[in-house]
Protein backbone atom coordinates (compact mmCIF):
# COMPACT_ATOMS: atom_id res chain seq x y z
CA MET A 1 -0.23 -0.11 0.02
CA SER A 2 1.56 3.44 -1.05
CA LEU A 3 1.06 6.56 1.00
CA PHE A 4 -1.73 7.59 -0.53
CA ASP A 5 -4.23 4.41 -0.90
CA PHE A 6 -6.67 3.73 1.93
CA SER A 7 -7.80 0.19 2.57
CA ASP A 8 -10.80 -1.02 0.91
CA ARG A 9 -12.59 -1.09 4.80
CA ALA A 10 -11.13 2.68 5.42
CA GLU A 11 -13.34 3.38 2.03
CA LYS A 12 -16.38 1.55 3.10
CA TYR A 13 -16.55 3.68 6.98
CA ARG A 14 -15.64 6.47 4.87
CA ALA A 15 -18.52 6.58 2.72
CA ASP A 16 -21.00 5.21 5.58
CA LEU A 17 -19.96 8.03 7.81
CA LEU A 18 -20.44 11.00 5.03
CA ASP A 19 -24.14 9.13 4.60
CA PHE A 20 -24.26 9.47 8.26
CA MET A 21 -23.28 13.26 8.32
CA ASP A 22 -25.43 14.20 5.85
CA THR A 23 -28.83 12.21 6.64
CA HIS A 24 -28.27 12.89 10.39
CA VAL A 25 -25.74 14.91 12.04
CA TYR A 26 -26.19 18.26 10.22
CA PRO A 27 -29.73 18.03 10.24
CA ALA A 28 -29.42 17.81 13.87
CA GLU A 29 -27.41 20.47 14.59
CA ALA A 30 -30.71 23.18 14.24
CA VAL A 31 -32.28 20.07 17.20
CA TYR A 32 -29.53 20.32 18.91
CA ASP A 33 -29.07 24.61 19.79
CA GLN A 34 -32.51 24.40 20.50
CA GLN A 35 -32.70 21.73 22.81
CA MET A 36 -29.90 23.20 24.76
CA LEU A 37 -31.93 26.50 24.63
CA GLU A 38 -35.13 25.54 26.20
CA SER A 39 -32.96 23.52 28.91
CA GLY A 40 -31.73 26.32 30.42
CA ASP A 41 -28.81 24.28 31.45
CA PRO A 42 -25.25 24.50 29.63
CA HIS A 43 -24.36 21.17 30.36
CA PHE A 44 -28.01 19.69 29.16
CA GLN A 45 -27.05 15.91 27.72
CA PRO A 46 -29.58 16.70 24.64
CA PRO A 47 -31.57 14.02 23.29
CA ILE A 48 -31.00 14.42 19.76
CA LEU A 49 -27.14 13.57 20.74
CA GLU A 50 -28.38 9.99 22.70
CA GLU A 51 -30.27 9.67 19.18
CA LEU A 52 -27.37 10.35 17.08
CA LYS A 53 -25.27 7.57 19.11
CA ALA A 54 -27.63 4.85 18.73
CA GLU A 55 -28.33 5.39 14.89
CA ALA A 56 -23.88 5.36 14.77
CA LYS A 57 -23.77 2.21 16.98
CA ARG A 58 -26.49 0.74 14.59
CA ARG A 59 -24.74 1.43 11.52
CA GLY A 60 -21.21 0.36 12.99
CA LEU A 61 -19.40 3.94 13.09
CA TRP A 62 -18.66 3.52 16.66
CA ASN A 63 -15.23 3.80 18.76
CA LEU A 64 -13.57 4.19 14.93
CA PHE A 65 -10.44 5.58 16.79
CA HIS A 66 -9.87 2.23 19.03
CA PRO A 67 -6.57 0.48 17.45
CA HIS A 68 -7.83 -2.86 19.42
CA PRO A 69 -9.75 -4.81 17.42
CA GLY A 70 -12.96 -6.18 19.46
CA ARG A 71 -12.85 -2.67 20.82
CA GLY A 72 -13.42 -0.86 17.41
CA PRO A 73 -12.28 -1.42 14.07
CA GLY A 74 -9.04 -2.01 14.74
CA LEU A 75 -8.32 1.32 12.19
CA THR A 76 -4.59 2.42 11.75
CA ASN A 77 -3.70 6.14 12.11
CA PHE A 78 -3.45 6.22 8.60
CA GLU A 79 -7.02 4.84 7.67
CA TYR A 80 -8.93 6.62 10.97
CA ALA A 81 -7.39 9.92 9.75
CA PRO A 82 -9.99 11.45 7.48
CA LEU A 83 -12.67 9.67 9.26
CA ALA A 84 -11.80 11.76 11.90
CA GLU A 85 -11.62 15.15 9.47
CA ILE A 86 -15.18 14.10 8.83
CA MET A 87 -16.22 14.02 12.12
CA GLY A 88 -14.19 17.34 12.70
CA ARG A 89 -16.75 19.07 10.36
CA SER A 90 -19.57 19.27 13.02
CA HIS A 91 -19.01 19.82 17.41
CA LEU A 92 -21.83 16.86 17.25
CA ALA A 93 -19.88 13.84 15.24
CA SER A 94 -17.14 12.77 17.51
CA GLU A 95 -19.30 12.15 20.24
CA ALA A 96 -22.19 10.71 18.31
CA CYS A 97 -19.17 8.16 17.10
CA ASN A 98 -17.81 7.55 20.34
CA CYS A 99 -14.59 8.97 19.21
CA ASN A 100 -14.50 12.51 21.77
CA ALA A 101 -11.57 14.05 23.25
CA PRO A 102 -10.75 13.33 26.07
CA ASP A 103 -12.57 10.00 26.08
CA THR A 104 -10.63 8.59 23.68
CA GLY A 105 -7.00 8.82 25.37
CA ASN A 106 -8.63 8.03 28.39
CA MET A 107 -10.03 4.81 27.01
CA GLU A 108 -6.62 3.91 25.81
CA VAL A 109 -4.73 4.71 28.69
CA LEU A 110 -7.49 2.21 30.69
CA GLU A 111 -6.77 -0.42 27.78
CA LEU A 112 -3.08 -0.20 28.56
CA PHE A 113 -2.69 0.32 32.06
CA GLY A 114 -6.00 -0.20 33.75
CA THR A 115 -6.68 -3.55 35.96
CA ALA A 116 -9.38 -5.71 35.89
CA GLU A 117 -11.76 -4.10 37.94
CA HIS A 118 -10.86 -0.43 35.83
CA LYS A 119 -11.54 -2.27 32.69
CA LYS A 120 -14.92 -3.35 34.14
CA LYS A 121 -16.05 -0.34 36.28
CA TYR A 122 -14.97 2.14 34.07
CA LEU A 123 -13.35 1.36 30.86
CA GLU A 124 -16.48 -0.82 29.56
CA PRO A 125 -19.19 2.02 29.98
CA LEU A 126 -16.98 4.05 28.01
CA LEU A 127 -16.53 1.67 25.32
CA ASP A 128 -20.74 1.21 25.22
CA GLY A 129 -21.20 5.17 25.43
CA THR A 130 -22.79 5.18 28.96
CA MET A 131 -19.73 7.07 30.55
CA ALA A 132 -17.76 10.06 30.19
CA SER A 133 -14.56 10.83 31.93
CA ALA A 134 -12.58 13.73 32.19
CA PHE A 135 -8.44 14.05 32.75
CA ALA A 136 -7.20 16.44 35.72
CA MET A 137 -3.65 17.24 34.45
CA THR A 138 -3.26 21.23 33.79
CA GLU A 139 -3.32 23.03 37.31
CA PRO A 140 -4.00 27.12 37.82
CA ALA A 141 -0.91 27.69 39.82
CA VAL A 142 2.08 26.48 37.92
CA ALA A 143 2.81 26.79 34.45
CA SER A 144 1.02 23.47 33.28
CA SER A 145 2.83 23.25 29.81
CA ASP A 146 6.11 21.59 31.86
CA ALA A 147 4.60 18.58 33.11
CA THR A 148 7.39 18.14 35.53
CA ASN A 149 5.61 21.95 37.44
CA ILE A 150 2.37 19.61 38.35
CA GLU A 151 2.29 20.31 42.43
CA LEU A 152 -0.68 18.14 42.96
CA SER A 153 0.19 16.12 45.71
CA MET A 154 -0.75 12.41 46.13
CA VAL A 155 1.22 10.86 49.56
CA ARG A 156 1.02 7.03 49.89
CA ASP A 157 -1.03 6.26 53.63
CA GLY A 158 -1.19 2.74 53.90
CA ASP A 159 -2.79 0.97 51.34
CA GLU A 160 -4.21 4.60 49.80
CA TYR A 161 -3.02 7.55 48.69
CA VAL A 162 -4.01 10.92 49.83
CA LEU A 163 -4.60 13.14 47.56
CA ASN A 164 -3.86 17.39 47.59
CA GLY A 165 -4.02 19.90 45.52
CA ARG A 166 -6.35 22.10 42.53
CA LYS A 167 -6.81 21.31 38.96
CA TRP A 168 -8.70 23.30 36.03
CA PHE A 169 -9.83 22.90 32.28
CA ALA A 170 -10.63 19.02 33.42
CA SER A 171 -12.67 18.76 30.24
CA ASN A 172 -15.82 16.56 30.31
CA ALA A 173 -16.05 17.13 34.18
CA LEU A 174 -19.16 18.57 33.80
CA HIS A 175 -20.76 16.17 31.41
CA ARG A 176 -23.68 15.04 32.80
CA ASN A 177 -22.23 11.12 32.14
CA CYS A 178 -19.14 12.11 33.62
CA LYS A 179 -18.26 9.75 36.58
CA VAL A 180 -14.80 9.34 36.67
CA MET A 181 -10.94 10.99 36.00
CA ILE A 182 -7.62 10.15 35.60
CA VAL A 183 -5.64 12.19 37.79
CA MET A 184 -2.11 13.08 37.51
CA GLY A 185 -0.08 14.42 40.20
CA LYS A 186 3.37 14.12 42.05
CA THR A 187 4.06 11.19 44.30
CA ASP A 188 7.91 12.06 44.68
CA PRO A 189 9.07 15.41 44.80
CA THR A 190 12.63 13.80 45.39
CA ALA A 191 13.07 11.65 42.00
CA ALA A 192 14.23 12.56 39.45
CA PRO A 193 12.22 14.99 37.07
CA HIS A 194 10.42 12.73 35.06
CA ARG A 195 9.82 9.99 37.91
CA GLN A 196 7.74 12.36 40.13
CA GLN A 197 4.89 12.20 38.46
CA SER A 198 2.07 9.53 38.79
CA MET A 199 -1.41 8.80 37.57
CA MET A 200 -4.63 7.44 39.50
CA VAL A 201 -7.92 6.76 38.69
CA VAL A 202 -10.56 8.53 40.81
CA ALA A 203 -14.33 8.56 40.88
CA ILE A 204 -15.71 12.40 40.53
CA ASP A 205 -17.70 11.77 42.88
CA ALA A 206 -14.83 10.65 46.00
CA PRO A 207 -15.09 12.70 48.65
CA GLY A 208 -13.15 15.48 49.14
CA VAL A 209 -13.30 16.19 45.02
CA THR A 210 -15.06 19.72 44.74
CA ILE A 211 -16.02 20.78 41.28
CA LEU A 212 -15.60 24.90 41.83
CA ARG A 213 -16.84 25.85 38.40
CA GLY A 214 -17.07 25.72 35.02
CA LEU A 215 -14.70 27.80 33.08
CA PRO A 216 -16.05 29.74 30.37
CA VAL A 217 -13.80 29.64 27.01
CA PHE A 218 -14.27 33.11 25.03
CA GLY A 219 -17.12 33.40 26.60
CA TYR A 220 -18.77 29.80 26.21
CA GLN A 221 -19.32 27.58 28.71
CA ASP A 222 -18.93 24.11 26.53
CA ARG A 223 -21.43 21.42 27.79
CA GLU A 224 -18.84 19.12 28.95
CA GLY A 225 -17.35 21.92 31.03
CA HIS A 226 -13.39 22.79 31.86
CA ALA A 227 -13.88 22.03 35.41
CA GLU A 228 -11.75 23.71 38.32
CA ILE A 229 -11.33 21.10 40.60
CA ASP A 230 -10.20 21.07 44.14
CA PHE A 231 -8.83 18.11 45.66
CA THR A 232 -9.01 18.14 49.68
CA ASP A 233 -7.96 14.81 51.51
CA VAL A 234 -9.19 12.52 48.81
CA ARG A 235 -8.36 8.69 49.57
CA VAL A 236 -7.77 6.76 46.61
CA PRO A 237 -7.33 2.69 47.30
CA ALA A 238 -3.15 1.98 46.27
CA THR A 239 -4.98 -0.37 43.62
CA ASP A 240 -6.23 2.95 41.49
CA LEU A 241 -2.52 3.82 40.79
CA LEU A 242 -1.74 3.38 36.90
CA LYS A 243 1.15 1.59 36.00
CA GLY A 244 3.24 2.55 39.16
CA GLU A 245 4.69 5.27 41.04
CA GLY A 246 6.60 7.44 38.41
CA GLU A 247 5.49 6.09 35.45
CA GLY A 248 2.86 9.65 35.05
CA PHE A 249 5.30 11.37 32.72
CA ALA A 250 5.28 8.36 30.66
CA ILE A 251 1.60 7.26 30.58
CA SER A 252 0.65 11.21 29.32
CA GLN A 253 3.08 10.81 26.25
CA ALA A 254 1.53 7.82 25.32
CA ARG A 255 -1.80 9.51 25.88
CA LEU A 256 -1.15 12.58 24.06
CA GLY A 257 0.38 11.68 20.79
CA PRO A 258 -2.62 10.09 19.47
CA GLY A 259 -4.55 12.67 21.13
CA ARG A 260 -2.79 15.34 19.48
CA ILE A 261 -3.11 14.02 15.94
CA HIS A 262 -6.77 13.26 16.65
CA HIS A 263 -7.27 16.67 17.58
CA CYS A 264 -5.56 18.13 13.93
CA MET A 265 -7.19 15.39 11.88
CA ARG A 266 -10.96 17.14 12.70
CA ALA A 267 -9.22 20.42 12.70
CA ILE A 268 -8.89 20.02 8.68
CA GLY A 269 -12.45 19.07 9.46
CA MET A 270 -13.57 21.82 10.36
CA ALA A 271 -10.90 23.84 8.00
CA GLU A 272 -12.77 22.33 5.05
CA ARG A 273 -16.14 23.03 6.52
CA ALA A 274 -15.27 26.94 6.70
CA LEU A 275 -14.02 26.78 3.43
CA GLU A 276 -17.45 25.68 2.06
CA LEU A 277 -19.10 28.03 3.91
CA MET A 278 -16.87 31.14 2.49
CA CYS A 279 -17.50 30.24 -1.07
CA ARG A 280 -21.26 29.60 -0.65
CA ARG A 281 -21.20 33.16 1.25
CA ALA A 282 -18.93 34.80 -1.48
CA ARG A 283 -21.24 33.53 -3.65
CA SER A 284 -24.51 34.41 -2.82
CA ARG A 285 -23.50 37.74 -1.77
CA THR A 286 -23.32 40.96 -3.53
CA THR A 287 -21.68 44.32 -2.74
CA PHE A 288 -20.97 47.86 -5.17
CA GLY A 289 -22.72 45.31 -8.10
CA GLU A 290 -20.66 42.55 -7.80
CA PRO A 291 -20.71 39.05 -6.12
CA LEU A 292 -17.88 38.37 -3.38
CA SER A 293 -16.77 35.75 -5.18
CA GLU A 294 -15.82 38.21 -7.30
CA ARG A 295 -13.05 40.17 -5.50
CA SER A 296 -9.26 39.63 -6.10
CA ASN A 297 -8.86 39.45 -2.09
CA ILE A 298 -11.57 36.92 -1.32
CA GLN A 299 -10.50 34.93 -4.11
CA ASP A 300 -6.95 34.71 -2.93
CA TRP A 301 -8.13 33.88 0.44
CA ILE A 302 -10.37 30.74 -0.83
CA ALA A 303 -7.23 29.80 -3.36
CA GLU A 304 -5.14 29.82 0.03
CA ALA A 305 -7.27 28.15 1.80
CA ARG A 306 -7.45 25.09 -0.91
CA ILE A 307 -3.62 25.33 -1.12
CA ASP A 308 -3.11 25.08 3.33
CA ILE A 309 -5.73 22.54 3.64
CA GLU A 310 -3.78 20.18 1.22
CA MET A 311 -0.86 21.12 3.11
CA ILE A 312 -1.68 20.22 6.37
CA ARG A 313 -3.59 17.21 5.56
CA LEU A 314 -0.66 15.62 3.53
CA LEU A 315 1.61 16.20 7.03
CA THR A 316 -1.11 15.10 9.19
CA LEU A 317 -0.64 12.07 6.85
CA LYS A 318 2.13 11.66 7.06
CA ALA A 319 2.33 11.74 10.95
CA ALA A 320 0.00 8.89 10.81
CA TYR A 321 1.91 6.68 8.81
CA LEU A 322 4.92 7.05 10.65
CA MET A 323 2.73 6.31 13.59
CA ASP A 324 2.06 3.20 12.16
CA THR A 325 4.88 2.01 10.92
CA VAL A 326 7.86 3.29 13.25
CA GLY A 327 6.04 4.67 16.27
CA ASN A 328 5.13 7.64 18.11
CA LYS A 329 7.88 8.51 19.21
CA GLN A 330 9.66 8.18 15.93
CA ALA A 331 7.20 10.26 14.62
CA ARG A 332 7.38 12.79 17.22
CA THR A 333 8.79 16.00 15.44
CA GLU A 334 6.04 15.16 12.77
CA ILE A 335 3.26 14.91 15.11
CA ALA A 336 4.62 18.38 16.96
CA ALA A 337 4.66 20.10 13.91
CA ILE A 338 1.19 19.31 12.39
CA LYS A 339 0.27 19.91 16.29
CA VAL A 340 1.35 23.39 15.88
CA ALA A 341 0.20 23.98 11.73
CA ALA A 342 -3.33 22.04 11.85
CA PRO A 343 -4.76 24.09 14.46
CA LYS A 344 -3.16 27.93 12.78
CA ILE A 345 -3.91 27.19 9.82
CA ALA A 346 -7.62 26.16 10.15
CA LEU A 347 -7.89 29.32 12.57
CA GLN A 348 -7.10 31.61 9.61
CA ILE A 349 -9.51 30.22 7.54
CA VAL A 350 -12.29 30.32 9.73
CA ASP A 351 -11.40 33.97 10.69
CA ARG A 352 -11.32 35.05 7.07
CA ALA A 353 -15.08 33.10 6.44
CA ILE A 354 -16.31 35.29 9.35
CA GLN A 355 -14.88 38.26 7.63
CA VAL A 356 -16.84 37.34 4.54
CA TYR A 357 -19.68 37.03 6.93
CA GLY A 358 -19.70 39.89 8.00
CA GLY A 359 -21.77 40.41 11.20
CA ALA A 360 -23.04 37.03 11.13
CA GLY A 361 -20.40 35.45 10.91
CA VAL A 362 -19.64 36.07 14.82
CA THR A 363 -23.27 35.14 15.97
CA ASP A 364 -24.85 31.39 16.80
CA ASP A 365 -26.39 31.69 13.51
CA PHE A 366 -23.76 30.16 11.82
CA PRO A 367 -21.25 27.23 12.98
CA LEU A 368 -17.45 29.56 12.64
CA ALA A 369 -17.98 31.61 16.20
CA MET A 370 -17.92 28.49 18.06
CA ALA A 371 -15.03 27.05 15.92
CA TYR A 372 -12.82 30.16 15.94
CA ALA A 373 -13.27 30.00 19.57
CA HIS A 374 -12.35 26.24 19.76
CA LEU A 375 -9.21 26.54 17.39
CA ARG A 376 -7.79 29.41 19.29
CA THR A 377 -8.15 26.97 22.75
CA LEU A 378 -6.60 23.93 20.77
CA ARG A 379 -3.33 26.16 19.83
CA LEU A 380 -3.34 25.76 24.22
CA ALA A 381 -4.63 22.41 24.36
CA ASP A 382 -2.20 19.10 24.35
CA GLY A 383 0.78 21.74 24.58
CA PRO A 384 0.76 25.57 23.18
CA ASP A 385 2.33 26.11 20.01
CA GLU A 386 6.00 27.65 21.95
CA VAL A 387 6.41 23.98 23.55
CA HIS A 388 6.23 21.82 20.20
CA LYS A 389 8.07 24.26 18.58
CA ARG A 390 10.79 24.20 21.28
CA ALA A 391 11.08 20.30 21.03
CA ILE A 392 10.80 20.26 16.76
CA ALA A 393 14.21 23.08 16.92
CA LYS A 394 16.07 20.56 19.39
CA ALA A 395 15.39 17.68 17.58
CA GLU A 396 16.76 19.68 14.33
CA LEU A 397 20.15 20.71 16.43
CA ARG A 398 20.51 17.37 17.69
CA LYS A 399 21.86 16.65 14.03
CA TYR A 400 24.81 18.52 14.33
CA ARG A 401 25.96 17.41 17.82
CA ASP A 402 28.04 15.37 16.28
CA GLU A 403 29.63 17.78 13.84
CA ASP A 404 30.53 19.95 16.96
CA ALA A 405 32.31 17.03 19.07
CA LEU A 406 34.39 16.37 15.89
CA ALA A 407 35.58 20.19 15.57
CA SER A 408 36.12 20.67 19.35
CA ASN A 409 38.40 17.55 18.72
CA GLY A 410 40.34 18.89 16.08
CA HIS A 411 38.60 17.67 12.87
CA ARG A 412 37.51 19.51 9.94
CA VAL A 413 33.66 19.55 9.41
CA ALA A 414 32.83 20.16 5.71
CA VAL A 415 30.21 22.69 5.58
CA ALA A 416 27.78 23.30 3.06
């Protein structure tokens, strides 16, 4: 199979998913908005979403992200990429197909590192879509882009750990079906920097866990919520420690690699929809005697959008291909690169689509304002742009260490 060939099964899932989007997901968006409005509750779980989940499950469009056969179709990252892109075109599709963050990452962590009890109590309901979960890593008091800064304490006390600290931006914690969190904290402050952290499974209703508030994002209270959570003397059984003490950083890297590329895949879908909306609006609106589509600056935006989408799609597919063939670690530069490029480019395309829509573009009558808020936030989620650029630069500079070593030993080094 060449890099640009998709398997027959991937093509079938793609065709089925496109039909599901056209016949069910897009028509459901207005129903979803109405149900949310009528509920008066920003964290309401609307019936239309449960109906979409049932239909997706009936069609076999369920757990498409999951790489383990039996849990899902067992697609590769390369096969999943075009499917995630399609789901990224609507804010309903990923959850409708049980492919939404942070549940996807949490399911993979529980699959790889969870105990038999964790899998029965939490993983199975998550796979079935009857439960939601949160991931509590980021903290308000420290720069959490450097995970070694994390301060929430996890102190061993007999057969339990006692947790004290505060987290925020725990996405999904206000979801009506959220029952469990995976929490990252510090078990040994004296260990090597990347061996101080551990991860634990914590019930969201455990004594001492207090959800303080849902954080608004650009004024939106997202339905799943981004919670600030206080942990005061929260007692967690030692059996709920994942993998072992000091393994938190390693688990986070295993979790975030696939999660990052999934975000980028969905961002491309969002960019495609924004371009489509831009083109339709430009053709339907007239100013000063001509359609907007005849304006040279609008044509430039459309052309540049197409070029940019194709570029980030190719980089995403390359990253996915490398993850499948040589592993996440060897693909880390490509993963970091696409995590910078995809949200940034998609954000620019959405911004220009908003400009073409004028005042309507910043309202809730169209999906562009919400898409803008989501994509701008995505430039911070799973690591800000600057952290990924730093990693890329360090990888590039590492190539020249041997040259420096040779030069310092008196050897001549050819310079281009």
